[in-house]
Amino acid sequence: MNWQQWFDMGGYGAYVWSSYALTAIILLWNLITPIFRRREVLRKIQNWYRQEDRLS
């Protein structure tokens, strides 16, 4: 078995490798999204406290 046959996966290579790629993208998305959402929530909380200070 050579590399070309291994990548071809018996004719199903396009399906197999696209599935791996999609899975990797989803896993990365699940790792990155909470980081950005946390920053957004912290910014909103900070703005809320600033508004509360101005009103007091």
PDB file of N, CA and C in Angstrom:
ATOM      1  N   MET A   1       0.847  -1.177   0.000  1.00  0.00           N
ATOM      2  CA  MET A   1       0.000   0.000   0.000  1.00  0.00           C
ATOM      3  C   MET A   1       0.894   1.243   0.000  1.00  0.00           C
ATOM      4  N   ASN A   2       0.638   2.134  -0.925  1.00  0.00           N
ATOM      5  CA  ASN A   2       1.400   3.383  -0.965  1.00  0.00           C
ATOM      6  C   ASN A   2       0.544   4.525  -0.399  1.00  0.00           C
ATOM      7  N   TRP A   3       1.138   5.709  -0.323  1.00  0.00           N
ATOM      8  CA  TRP A   3       0.454   6.856   0.282  1.00  0.00           C
ATOM      9  C   TRP A   3      -0.786   7.254  -0.504  1.00  0.00           C
ATOM     10  N   GLN A   4      -0.709   7.182  -1.821  1.00  0.00           N
ATOM     11  CA  GLN A   4      -1.861   7.566  -2.644  1.00  0.00           C
ATOM     12  C   GLN A   4      -3.063   6.672  -2.338  1.00  0.00           C
ATOM     13  N   GLN A   5      -2.834   5.395  -2.206  1.00  0.00           N
ATOM     14  CA  GLN A   5      -3.929   4.481  -1.879  1.00  0.00           C
ATOM     15  C   GLN A   5      -4.473   4.758  -0.477  1.00  0.00           C
ATOM     16  N   TRP A   6      -3.579   5.086   0.432  1.00  0.00           N
ATOM     17  CA  TRP A   6      -4.006   5.373   1.790  1.00  0.00           C
ATOM     18  C   TRP A   6      -4.886   6.628   1.833  1.00  0.00           C
ATOM     19  N   PHE A   7      -4.466   7.678   1.106  1.00  0.00           N
ATOM     20  CA  PHE A   7      -5.259   8.906   1.067  1.00  0.00           C
ATOM     21  C   PHE A   7      -6.570   8.715   0.313  1.00  0.00           C
ATOM     22  N   ASP A   8      -6.574   7.832  -0.667  1.00  0.00           N
ATOM     23  CA  ASP A   8      -7.778   7.566  -1.453  1.00  0.00           C
ATOM     24  C   ASP A   8      -8.814   6.793  -0.637  1.00  0.00           C
ATOM     25  N   MET A   9      -8.367   5.999   0.319  1.00  0.00           N
ATOM     26  CA  MET A   9      -9.228   5.224   1.219  1.00  0.00           C
ATOM     27  C   MET A   9     -10.255   4.380   0.465  1.00  0.00           C
ATOM     28  N   GLY A  10      -9.809   3.696  -0.558  1.00  0.00           N
ATOM     29  CA  GLY A  10     -10.698   2.800  -1.288  1.00  0.00           C
ATOM     30  C   GLY A  10     -11.808   3.523  -2.040  1.00  0.00           C
ATOM     31  N   GLY A  11     -11.558   4.755  -2.443  1.00  0.00           N
ATOM     32  CA  GLY A  11     -12.557   5.524  -3.170  1.00  0.00           C
ATOM     33  C   GLY A  11     -13.396   6.437  -2.287  1.00  0.00           C
ATOM     34  N   TYR A  12     -13.230   6.329  -0.982  1.00  0.00           N
ATOM     35  CA  TYR A  12     -14.015   7.135  -0.047  1.00  0.00           C
ATOM     36  C   TYR A  12     -13.194   8.262   0.581  1.00  0.00           C
ATOM     37  N   GLY A  13     -12.029   8.517   0.035  1.00  0.00           N
ATOM     38  CA  GLY A  13     -11.123   9.505   0.621  1.00  0.00           C
ATOM     39  C   GLY A  13     -11.720  10.891   0.745  1.00  0.00           C
ATOM     40  N   ALA A  14     -12.448  11.332  -0.285  1.00  0.00           N
ATOM     41  CA  ALA A  14     -13.029  12.679  -0.239  1.00  0.00           C
ATOM     42  C   ALA A  14     -14.008  12.797   0.933  1.00  0.00           C
ATOM     43  N   TYR A  15     -14.820  11.774   1.135  1.00  0.00           N
ATOM     44  CA  TYR A  15     -15.773  11.789   2.241  1.00  0.00           C
ATOM     45  C   TYR A  15     -15.052  11.719   3.588  1.00  0.00           C
ATOM     46  N   VAL A  16     -14.085  10.829   3.689  1.00  0.00           N
ATOM     47  CA  VAL A  16     -13.377  10.637   4.959  1.00  0.00           C
ATOM     48  C   VAL A  16     -12.608  11.888   5.345  1.00  0.00           C
ATOM     49  N   TRP A  17     -11.823  12.433   4.410  1.00  0.00           N
ATOM     50  CA  TRP A  17     -10.998  13.589   4.749  1.00  0.00           C
ATOM     51  C   TRP A  17     -11.823  14.850   4.960  1.00  0.00           C
ATOM     52  N   SER A  18     -12.920  14.990   4.227  1.00  0.00           N
ATOM     53  CA  SER A  18     -13.772  16.157   4.475  1.00  0.00           C
ATOM     54  C   SER A  18     -14.448  16.035   5.839  1.00  0.00           C
ATOM     55  N   SER A  19     -14.777  14.823   6.254  1.00  0.00           N
ATOM     56  CA  SER A  19     -15.356  14.615   7.587  1.00  0.00           C
ATOM     57  C   SER A  19     -14.348  14.962   8.679  1.00  0.00           C
ATOM     58  N   TYR A  20     -13.103  14.546   8.485  1.00  0.00           N
ATOM     59  CA  TYR A  20     -12.058  14.910   9.446  1.00  0.00           C
ATOM     60  C   TYR A  20     -11.878  16.427   9.508  1.00  0.00           C
ATOM     61  N   ALA A  21     -11.869  17.072   8.355  1.00  0.00           N
ATOM     62  CA  ALA A  21     -11.691  18.526   8.314  1.00  0.00           C
ATOM     63  C   ALA A  21     -12.847  19.236   9.008  1.00  0.00           C
ATOM     64  N   LEU A  22     -14.068  18.803   8.735  1.00  0.00           N
ATOM     65  CA  LEU A  22     -15.231  19.417   9.363  1.00  0.00           C
ATOM     66  C   LEU A  22     -15.202  19.221  10.877  1.00  0.00           C
ATOM     67  N   THR A  23     -14.819  18.053  11.308  1.00  0.00           N
ATOM     68  CA  THR A  23     -14.711  17.781  12.744  1.00  0.00           C
ATOM     69  C   THR A  23     -13.667  18.684  13.394  1.00  0.00           C
ATOM     70  N   ALA A  24     -12.530  18.844  12.742  1.00  0.00           N
ATOM     71  CA  ALA A  24     -11.476  19.709  13.279  1.00  0.00           C
ATOM     72  C   ALA A  24     -11.952  21.161  13.362  1.00  0.00           C
ATOM     73  N   ILE A  25     -12.676  21.614  12.349  1.00  0.00           N
ATOM     74  CA  ILE A  25     -13.192  22.985  12.355  1.00  0.00           C
ATOM     75  C   ILE A  25     -14.183  23.175  13.496  1.00  0.00           C
ATOM     76  N   ILE A  26     -15.073  22.223  13.689  1.00  0.00           N
ATOM     77  CA  ILE A  26     -16.057  22.326  14.767  1.00  0.00           C
ATOM     78  C   ILE A  26     -15.376  22.311  16.133  1.00  0.00           C
ATOM     79  N   LEU A  27     -14.383  21.458  16.307  1.00  0.00           N
ATOM     80  CA  LEU A  27     -13.667  21.421  17.585  1.00  0.00           C
ATOM     81  C   LEU A  27     -12.945  22.741  17.858  1.00  0.00           C
ATOM     82  N   LEU A  28     -12.311  23.303  16.839  1.00  0.00           N
ATOM     83  CA  LEU A  28     -11.656  24.599  17.008  1.00  0.00           C
ATOM     84  C   LEU A  28     -12.667  25.688  17.337  1.00  0.00           C
ATOM     85  N   TRP A  29     -13.800  25.648  16.657  1.00  0.00           N
ATOM     86  CA  TRP A  29     -14.864  26.618  16.922  1.00  0.00           C
ATOM     87  C   TRP A  29     -15.311  26.529  18.379  1.00  0.00           C
ATOM     88  N   ASN A  30     -15.461  25.310  18.875  1.00  0.00           N
ATOM     89  CA  ASN A  30     -15.891  25.104  20.258  1.00  0.00           C
ATOM     90  C   ASN A  30     -14.836  25.538  21.264  1.00  0.00           C
ATOM     91  N   LEU A  31     -13.598  25.585  20.871  1.00  0.00           N
ATOM     92  CA  LEU A  31     -12.541  26.075  21.755  1.00  0.00           C
ATOM     93  C   LEU A  31     -12.431  27.596  21.726  1.00  0.00           C
ATOM     94  N   ILE A  32     -12.620  28.186  20.562  1.00  0.00           N
ATOM     95  CA  ILE A  32     -12.391  29.623  20.386  1.00  0.00           C
ATOM     96  C   ILE A  32     -13.592  30.471  20.779  1.00  0.00           C
ATOM     97  N   THR A  33     -14.788  30.014  20.481  1.00  0.00           N
ATOM     98  CA  THR A  33     -15.994  30.801  20.734  1.00  0.00           C
ATOM     99  C   THR A  33     -16.147  31.233  22.189  1.00  0.00           C
ATOM    100  N   PRO A  34     -15.961  30.362  23.169  1.00  0.00           N
ATOM    101  CA  PRO A  34     -16.121  30.820  24.564  1.00  0.00           C
ATOM    102  C   PRO A  34     -15.139  31.923  24.957  1.00  0.00           C
ATOM    103  N   ILE A  35     -13.973  31.918  24.371  1.00  0.00           N
ATOM    104  CA  ILE A  35     -12.993  32.967  24.677  1.00  0.00           C
ATOM    105  C   ILE A  35     -13.524  34.326  24.252  1.00  0.00           C
ATOM    106  N   PHE A  36     -14.076  34.402  23.026  1.00  0.00           N
ATOM    107  CA  PHE A  36     -14.615  35.665  22.543  1.00  0.00           C
ATOM    108  C   PHE A  36     -15.884  36.065  23.287  1.00  0.00           C
ATOM    109  N   ARG A  37     -16.704  35.104  23.620  1.00  0.00           N
ATOM    110  CA  ARG A  37     -17.932  35.417  24.370  1.00  0.00           C
ATOM    111  C   ARG A  37     -17.598  35.911  25.770  1.00  0.00           C
ATOM    112  N   ARG A  38     -16.584  35.330  26.384  1.00  0.00           N
ATOM    113  CA  ARG A  38     -16.178  35.777  27.724  1.00  0.00           C
ATOM    114  C   ARG A  38     -15.724  37.222  27.679  1.00  0.00           C
ATOM    115  N   ARG A  39     -14.935  37.575  26.666  1.00  0.00           N
ATOM    116  CA  ARG A  39     -14.481  38.959  26.522  1.00  0.00           C
ATOM    117  C   ARG A  39     -15.663  39.899  26.357  1.00  0.00           C
ATOM    118  N   GLU A  40     -16.632  39.484  25.558  1.00  0.00           N
ATOM    119  CA  GLU A  40     -17.814  40.315  25.334  1.00  0.00           C
ATOM    120  C   GLU A  40     -18.612  40.505  26.623  1.00  0.00           C
ATOM    121  N   VAL A  41     -18.798  39.452  27.381  1.00  0.00           N
ATOM    122  CA  VAL A  41     -19.540  39.534  28.636  1.00  0.00           C
ATOM    123  C   VAL A  41     -18.802  40.419  29.633  1.00  0.00           C
ATOM    124  N   LEU A  42     -17.498  40.271  29.722  1.00  0.00           N
ATOM    125  CA  LEU A  42     -16.725  41.111  30.638  1.00  0.00           C
ATOM    126  C   LEU A  42     -16.817  42.582  30.249  1.00  0.00           C
ATOM    127  N   ARG A  43     -16.793  42.875  28.945  1.00  0.00           N
ATOM    128  CA  ARG A  43     -16.942  44.255  28.488  1.00  0.00           C
ATOM    129  C   ARG A  43     -18.317  44.812  28.862  1.00  0.00           C
ATOM    130  N   LYS A  44     -19.353  43.989  28.696  1.00  0.00           N
ATOM    131  CA  LYS A  44     -20.708  44.440  29.037  1.00  0.00           C
ATOM    132  C   LYS A  44     -20.837  44.701  30.532  1.00  0.00           C
ATOM    133  N   ILE A  45     -20.273  43.830  31.339  1.00  0.00           N
ATOM    134  CA  ILE A  45     -20.315  44.018  32.793  1.00  0.00           C
ATOM    135  C   ILE A  45     -19.559  45.273  33.176  1.00  0.00           C
ATOM    136  N   GLN A  46     -18.410  45.495  32.571  1.00  0.00           N
ATOM    137  CA  GLN A  46     -17.619  46.687  32.867  1.00  0.00           C
ATOM    138  C   GLN A  46     -18.386  47.952  32.490  1.00  0.00           C
ATOM    139  N   ASN A  47     -19.030  47.934  31.331  1.00  0.00           N
ATOM    140  CA  ASN A  47     -19.829  49.096  30.924  1.00  0.00           C
ATOM    141  C   ASN A  47     -21.007  49.321  31.862  1.00  0.00           C
ATOM    142  N   TRP A  48     -21.615  48.245  32.311  1.00  0.00           N
ATOM    143  CA  TRP A  48     -22.734  48.366  33.235  1.00  0.00           C
ATOM    144  C   TRP A  48     -22.289  49.017  34.541  1.00  0.00           C
ATOM    145  N   TYR A  49     -21.141  48.589  35.072  1.00  0.00           N
ATOM    146  CA  TYR A  49     -20.614  49.194  36.310  1.00  0.00           C
ATOM    147  C   TYR A  49     -20.270  50.665  36.117  1.00  0.00           C
ATOM    148  N   ARG A  50     -19.748  51.001  34.947  1.00  0.00           N
ATOM    149  CA  ARG A  50     -19.426  52.405  34.676  1.00  0.00           C
ATOM    150  C   ARG A  50     -20.704  53.243  34.665  1.00  0.00           C
ATOM    151  N   GLN A  51     -21.759  52.724  34.073  1.00  0.00           N
ATOM    152  CA  GLN A  51     -23.026  53.451  34.045  1.00  0.00           C
ATOM    153  C   GLN A  51     -23.603  53.587  35.439  1.00  0.00           C
ATOM    154  N   GLU A  52     -23.476  52.559  36.250  1.00  0.00           N
ATOM    155  CA  GLU A  52     -23.973  52.613  37.621  1.00  0.00           C
ATOM    156  C   GLU A  52     -23.215  53.665  38.434  1.00  0.00           C
ATOM    157  N   ASP A  53     -21.904  53.761  38.197  1.00  0.00           N
ATOM    158  CA  ASP A  53     -21.110  54.769  38.902  1.00  0.00           C
ATOM    159  C   ASP A  53     -21.522  56.175  38.521  1.00  0.00           C
ATOM    160  N   ARG A  54     -21.847  56.379  37.263  1.00  0.00           N
ATOM    161  CA  ARG A  54     -22.263  57.704  36.796  1.00  0.00           C
ATOM    162  C   ARG A  54     -23.606  58.109  37.380  1.00  0.00           C
ATOM    163  N   LEU A  55     -24.480  57.138  37.557  1.00  0.00           N
ATOM    164  CA  LEU A  55     -25.802  57.439  38.081  1.00  0.00           C
ATOM    165  C   LEU A  55     -25.790  57.676  39.592  1.00  0.00           C
ATOM    166  N   SER A  56     -24.812  57.162  40.264  1.00  0.00           N
ATOM    167  CA  SER A  56     -24.749  57.283  41.732  1.00  0.00           C
ATOM    168  C   SER A  56     -24.191  58.595  42.177  1.00  0.00           C
TER     169      SER A  56
END
